[in-house]
Amino acid sequence: MPGAIDPSIREALIARLRFYRDLGLTDFYRRPVDPALLTMVETSDLGAPGLASETWDSAPPPQNSQENETIPPRKPIPAPPAITTEIKPADKAAALRLIREDIGDCTRCALHKGRNKIVFADGSPTARLMFVGEGPGADEDAQGLPFVGRAGQLLNNMITAMGLKREEVYIANVVKCRPPGNRTPEPEEANTCSPFLFRQIDVVRPEVIVALGATAATYLLGQRQPLAGLRGRVHSFRGTKLIVTYHPAFLLRDPRQKKEAWADLQIAMRELGLKAPCRG
């Protein structure tokens, strides 16, 4: 039996996987090791400096070679629900409360088992700008509001830099319960919860949506693609405009990308006709 992985190595691997996730690289596969290869290694003369070349030349090719294996196809992302009828501004707050009531004390997926509070949304029901993140973290789970931890503080700064106040925008997530250990939501979890997000979007009907990170972009646009291929342009989405940028948590880990994120936000500002406030 292999020994337990060193804690420092484990943390480094987790950090690296989160880095790849934020870049939109979310699918990793571990191919099974053929028993013939293990037998070959165990019976080889390991006392020599390296494996003898004839060991590799004389060994027959394994029946389950890599070339003969196929990676199972990724499950398709379900099509989003049809766009609902537009709601008058005066009725939007009530319509959002109805969605929250429909969610109830949700047990539709496994995420409910470890949550403290459902994190529905925050902000103005008549917002022109909406931000969509991945899911709640520890601070959000404790308070029941999205983006209130360190990443939330950075998002607040981003909103201010755009010349807006937090209470003027609308903020929500793909999933409304905290995934254990802040892991990426599983497809079943995201696909179960996202219909409520689509209903929120249809009620608010913002002029621009900013998808924060790869997970939000994936489930909003219905396609898995590295973030680099989605940033820097305006996407058409449910009758509004969608712009993709980095998640604030990623920017905390790699502050060098803040300049790129600001360029994305400037696209949103241009679509909204906003100008950055002058610095005093």
Protein backbone atom coordinates (compact mmCIF):
# COMPACT_ATOMS: atom_id res chain seq x y z
CA MET A 1 0.00 0.00 0.00
CA PRO A 2 1.44 3.42 -0.87
CA GLY A 3 2.01 5.78 2.03
CA ALA A 4 -0.15 8.81 2.68
CA ILE A 5 0.75 11.83 0.59
CA ASP A 6 2.78 14.50 2.34
CA PRO A 7 0.47 17.34 3.55
CA SER A 8 2.62 20.04 1.93
CA ILE A 9 2.56 18.20 -1.39
CA ARG A 10 -1.19 17.74 -1.08
CA GLU A 11 -1.74 21.48 -0.50
CA ALA A 12 0.52 22.29 -3.45
CA LEU A 13 -1.47 19.94 -5.69
CA ILE A 14 -4.76 21.46 -4.54
CA ALA A 15 -3.45 24.96 -5.27
CA ARG A 16 -2.25 23.89 -8.71
CA LEU A 17 -5.59 22.25 -9.58
CA ARG A 18 -7.43 25.39 -8.48
CA PHE A 19 -5.11 27.42 -10.70
CA TYR A 20 -5.92 25.18 -13.68
CA ARG A 21 -9.63 25.32 -12.86
CA ASP A 22 -9.64 29.10 -12.89
CA LEU A 23 -8.03 28.99 -16.32
CA GLY A 24 -10.86 26.78 -17.56
CA LEU A 25 -8.90 23.52 -17.50
CA THR A 26 -11.27 21.34 -15.52
CA ASP A 27 -11.07 17.82 -16.95
CA PHE A 28 -8.21 15.56 -15.95
CA TYR A 29 -7.98 11.84 -16.61
CA ARG A 30 -5.89 9.14 -14.96
CA ARG A 31 -5.37 6.17 -17.19
CA PRO A 32 -5.26 2.70 -15.54
CA VAL A 33 -1.82 1.12 -15.34
CA ASP A 34 -1.54 -2.17 -17.22
CA PRO A 35 -0.59 -5.09 -14.89
CA ALA A 36 1.99 -6.26 -17.43
CA LEU A 37 3.92 -3.03 -16.95
CA LEU A 38 3.94 -3.44 -13.18
CA THR A 39 5.19 -7.00 -13.50
CA MET A 40 7.90 -5.88 -15.90
CA VAL A 41 9.14 -3.23 -13.46
CA GLU A 42 9.06 -5.59 -10.48
CA THR A 43 11.12 -8.29 -12.28
CA SER A 44 13.65 -5.88 -13.81
CA ASP A 45 17.22 -5.51 -12.50
CA LEU A 46 16.72 -2.36 -10.47
CA GLY A 47 20.24 -2.57 -9.08
CA ALA A 48 21.64 -1.29 -12.38
CA PRO A 49 21.78 2.45 -13.06
CA GLY A 50 18.49 2.62 -14.93
CA LEU A 51 16.46 -0.01 -16.75
CA ALA A 52 18.26 -1.98 -19.45
CA SER A 53 17.17 -0.96 -22.92
CA GLU A 54 16.51 -4.57 -23.92
CA THR A 55 13.88 -4.78 -21.16
CA TRP A 56 11.72 -2.34 -23.10
CA ASP A 57 12.59 -3.77 -26.53
CA SER A 58 11.77 -7.38 -25.71
CA ALA A 59 8.60 -6.83 -23.74
CA PRO A 60 5.43 -7.45 -25.76
CA PRO A 61 3.11 -4.45 -26.08
CA PRO A 62 0.41 -4.48 -23.40
CA GLN A 63 -3.05 -5.43 -24.61
CA ASN A 64 -4.57 -2.36 -22.96
CA SER A 65 -2.08 0.07 -24.46
CA GLN A 66 -2.72 3.79 -24.30
CA GLU A 67 -3.40 3.92 -28.01
CA ASN A 68 -6.24 1.42 -27.64
CA GLU A 69 -7.91 3.20 -24.75
CA THR A 70 -10.61 5.77 -25.20
CA ILE A 71 -11.39 8.58 -22.81
CA PRO A 72 -15.10 8.57 -21.99
CA PRO A 73 -16.90 11.53 -23.53
CA ARG A 74 -17.83 14.40 -21.24
CA LYS A 75 -21.47 14.62 -20.36
CA PRO A 76 -23.22 17.39 -22.30
CA ILE A 77 -24.44 20.41 -20.40
CA PRO A 78 -28.26 20.49 -20.43
CA ALA A 79 -29.90 23.17 -22.52
CA PRO A 80 -31.04 26.17 -20.45
CA PRO A 81 -34.75 26.72 -19.88
CA ALA A 82 -36.71 28.98 -22.19
CA ILE A 83 -36.57 32.69 -21.44
CA THR A 84 -39.55 33.75 -19.36
CA THR A 85 -41.82 36.72 -19.92
CA GLU A 86 -40.35 40.11 -19.05
CA ILE A 87 -41.44 41.46 -15.67
CA LYS A 88 -42.16 45.08 -14.87
CA PRO A 89 -39.49 46.79 -12.72
CA ALA A 90 -41.92 47.34 -9.87
CA ASP A 91 -42.64 43.59 -9.71
CA LYS A 92 -39.07 42.28 -9.91
CA ALA A 93 -38.36 42.17 -6.18
CA ALA A 94 -41.50 40.10 -5.58
CA ALA A 95 -40.63 37.79 -8.47
CA LEU A 96 -37.19 37.15 -6.98
CA ARG A 97 -38.73 36.43 -3.58
CA LEU A 98 -40.95 33.86 -5.28
CA ILE A 99 -37.90 32.11 -6.73
CA ARG A 100 -36.34 32.02 -3.26
CA GLU A 101 -39.54 30.53 -1.89
CA ASP A 102 -39.49 27.88 -4.62
CA ILE A 103 -35.97 26.90 -3.58
CA GLY A 104 -37.14 26.49 0.00
CA ASP A 105 -34.97 24.45 2.36
CA CYS A 106 -33.45 22.78 -0.66
CA THR A 107 -32.34 19.12 -0.62
CA ARG A 108 -32.24 18.63 -4.40
CA CYS A 109 -28.54 17.74 -4.48
CA ALA A 110 -25.87 16.54 -2.08
CA LEU A 111 -24.56 20.02 -1.31
CA HIS A 112 -27.35 20.60 1.21
CA LYS A 113 -25.77 18.10 3.60
CA GLY A 114 -22.89 20.38 4.56
CA ARG A 115 -24.32 23.85 4.15
CA ASN A 116 -25.09 26.37 6.85
CA LYS A 117 -27.15 28.85 4.81
CA ILE A 118 -28.48 28.99 1.28
CA VAL A 119 -26.81 31.88 -0.54
CA PHE A 120 -29.43 33.24 -2.90
CA ALA A 121 -28.18 36.60 -4.18
CA ASP A 122 -27.48 40.21 -3.27
CA GLY A 123 -28.10 43.55 -4.90
CA SER A 124 -30.65 45.46 -6.92
CA PRO A 125 -33.53 43.63 -8.68
CA THR A 126 -33.37 46.29 -11.41
CA ALA A 127 -29.59 46.24 -11.87
CA ARG A 128 -28.08 46.98 -15.26
CA LEU A 129 -25.04 44.86 -14.38
CA MET A 130 -24.98 41.36 -12.91
CA PHE A 131 -22.06 39.28 -11.65
CA VAL A 132 -22.24 35.49 -11.56
CA GLY A 133 -19.72 33.45 -9.59
CA GLU A 134 -19.19 29.78 -8.92
CA GLY A 135 -20.52 29.10 -5.44
CA PRO A 136 -20.39 30.22 -1.82
CA GLY A 137 -17.28 29.95 0.31
CA ALA A 138 -17.01 29.70 4.09
CA ASP A 139 -17.82 33.36 4.77
CA GLU A 140 -20.76 33.32 2.38
CA ASP A 141 -22.08 30.09 3.88
CA ALA A 142 -21.96 31.68 7.33
CA GLN A 143 -23.64 34.96 6.33
CA GLY A 144 -25.99 33.80 3.58
CA LEU A 145 -24.73 36.46 1.15
CA PRO A 146 -22.51 36.06 -1.94
CA PHE A 147 -18.99 37.47 -2.11
CA VAL A 148 -18.46 38.70 1.44
CA GLY A 149 -15.01 37.18 2.09
CA ARG A 150 -11.64 38.29 0.74
CA ALA A 151 -12.74 37.61 -2.84
CA GLY A 152 -15.85 39.66 -2.13
CA GLN A 153 -13.77 42.58 -0.94
CA LEU A 154 -11.84 42.49 -4.19
CA LEU A 155 -15.10 42.29 -6.16
CA ASN A 156 -16.35 45.35 -4.28
CA ASN A 157 -13.18 47.19 -5.33
CA MET A 158 -13.74 46.10 -8.93
CA ILE A 159 -17.31 47.41 -8.83
CA THR A 160 -16.16 50.71 -7.35
CA ALA A 161 -13.49 51.05 -10.05
CA MET A 162 -16.28 50.78 -12.61
CA GLY A 163 -18.02 53.78 -11.04
CA LEU A 164 -20.78 51.77 -9.39
CA LYS A 165 -21.81 50.72 -5.89
CA ARG A 166 -22.38 47.14 -4.80
CA GLU A 167 -26.04 47.86 -4.08
CA GLU A 168 -26.48 48.97 -7.70
CA VAL A 169 -25.50 45.60 -9.19
CA TYR A 170 -26.89 42.08 -8.76
CA ILE A 171 -24.67 39.22 -7.58
CA ALA A 172 -25.44 35.50 -7.67
CA ASN A 173 -23.73 32.12 -8.09
CA VAL A 174 -24.13 28.98 -10.15
CA VAL A 175 -24.78 26.94 -6.98
CA LYS A 176 -26.36 28.31 -3.83
CA CYS A 177 -24.80 25.95 -1.29
CA ARG A 178 -21.12 25.76 -0.41
CA PRO A 179 -19.27 22.81 -1.96
CA PRO A 180 -17.14 20.94 0.61
CA GLY A 181 -13.67 22.42 0.85
CA ASN A 182 -14.60 25.05 -1.74
CA ARG A 183 -14.20 22.45 -4.49
CA THR A 184 -15.64 22.97 -7.95
CA PRO A 185 -19.35 22.04 -8.09
CA GLU A 186 -20.02 18.67 -9.65
CA PRO A 187 -22.01 18.77 -12.93
CA GLU A 188 -25.03 17.20 -11.24
CA GLU A 189 -24.96 19.90 -8.55
CA ALA A 190 -24.52 22.78 -10.99
CA ASN A 191 -27.13 21.46 -13.40
CA THR A 192 -29.61 21.03 -10.55
CA CYS A 193 -29.15 24.56 -9.24
CA SER A 194 -28.56 26.59 -12.40
CA PRO A 195 -32.23 26.70 -13.50
CA PHE A 196 -32.88 28.96 -10.51
CA LEU A 197 -30.02 31.19 -11.64
CA PHE A 198 -31.53 31.40 -15.12
CA ARG A 199 -34.84 32.44 -13.56
CA GLN A 200 -33.06 35.15 -11.58
CA ILE A 201 -31.39 36.40 -14.75
CA ASP A 202 -34.73 36.50 -16.57
CA VAL A 203 -36.29 38.55 -13.78
CA VAL A 204 -33.45 41.05 -13.39
CA ARG A 205 -32.71 41.21 -17.14
CA PRO A 206 -29.43 43.08 -16.76
CA GLU A 207 -27.92 44.74 -19.78
CA VAL A 208 -24.58 43.06 -19.08
CA ILE A 209 -23.59 39.91 -17.17
CA VAL A 210 -20.02 39.32 -16.05
CA ALA A 211 -19.17 35.64 -15.57
CA LEU A 212 -16.52 35.34 -12.87
CA GLY A 213 -14.32 32.37 -13.64
CA ALA A 214 -14.46 29.22 -15.71
CA THR A 215 -17.29 27.49 -13.82
CA ALA A 216 -19.69 30.41 -14.24
CA ALA A 217 -18.76 30.77 -17.91
CA THR A 218 -19.22 27.04 -18.51
CA TYR A 219 -22.73 26.79 -17.10
CA LEU A 220 -23.94 30.09 -18.49
CA LEU A 221 -22.67 29.61 -22.04
CA GLY A 222 -23.19 25.85 -22.07
CA GLN A 223 -19.70 25.07 -23.34
CA ARG A 224 -16.45 23.92 -21.79
CA GLN A 225 -13.63 26.03 -23.07
CA PRO A 226 -10.48 27.53 -21.55
CA LEU A 227 -11.01 31.00 -20.18
CA ALA A 228 -8.55 32.46 -22.67
CA GLY A 229 -10.88 31.54 -25.51
CA LEU A 230 -13.88 33.23 -23.88
CA ARG A 231 -12.38 36.46 -22.59
CA GLY A 232 -11.95 39.68 -24.53
CA ARG A 233 -15.26 39.64 -26.39
CA VAL A 234 -18.99 40.05 -25.90
CA HIS A 235 -21.18 36.93 -25.92
CA SER A 236 -24.90 36.93 -26.65
CA PHE A 237 -26.80 35.27 -23.81
CA ARG A 238 -30.54 35.17 -23.05
CA GLY A 239 -31.19 38.51 -24.69
CA THR A 240 -28.34 40.26 -22.91
CA LYS A 241 -24.57 40.62 -23.24
CA LEU A 242 -22.17 38.39 -21.35
CA ILE A 243 -18.49 39.05 -20.64
CA VAL A 244 -16.10 36.54 -19.11
CA THR A 245 -13.27 37.40 -16.72
CA TYR A 246 -11.25 35.87 -13.91
CA HIS A 247 -12.77 35.01 -10.56
CA PRO A 248 -11.65 37.39 -7.79
CA ALA A 249 -10.31 34.41 -5.81
CA PHE A 250 -7.99 33.63 -8.72
CA LEU A 251 -6.84 37.24 -8.82
CA LEU A 252 -5.93 37.00 -5.13
CA ARG A 253 -3.74 34.01 -5.94
CA ASP A 254 -2.24 35.62 -9.04
CA PRO A 255 -2.42 39.44 -8.77
CA ARG A 256 -0.54 39.76 -12.06
CA GLN A 257 -3.81 39.01 -13.86
CA LYS A 258 -5.63 42.02 -12.38
CA LYS A 259 -4.66 44.09 -15.42
CA GLU A 260 -6.31 41.52 -17.69
CA ALA A 261 -9.43 41.46 -15.52
CA TRP A 262 -9.63 45.26 -15.65
CA ALA A 263 -9.53 45.08 -19.45
CA ASP A 264 -12.52 42.71 -19.31
CA LEU A 265 -14.42 45.05 -17.01
CA GLN A 266 -13.74 47.92 -19.36
CA ILE A 267 -15.57 45.98 -22.06
CA ALA A 268 -18.56 45.78 -19.73
CA MET A 269 -18.27 49.49 -18.97
CA ARG A 270 -18.21 50.30 -22.66
CA GLU A 271 -21.41 48.31 -23.22
CA LEU A 272 -23.06 50.11 -20.31
CA GLY A 273 -21.79 53.54 -21.32
CA LEU A 274 -19.84 53.93 -18.08
CA LYS A 275 -16.64 55.85 -17.50
CA ALA A 276 -14.22 55.13 -14.68
CA PRO A 277 -14.43 57.74 -11.89
CA CYS A 278 -11.61 60.24 -11.69
CA ARG A 279 -9.14 59.56 -8.93
CA GLY A 280 -8.85 62.43 -6.54
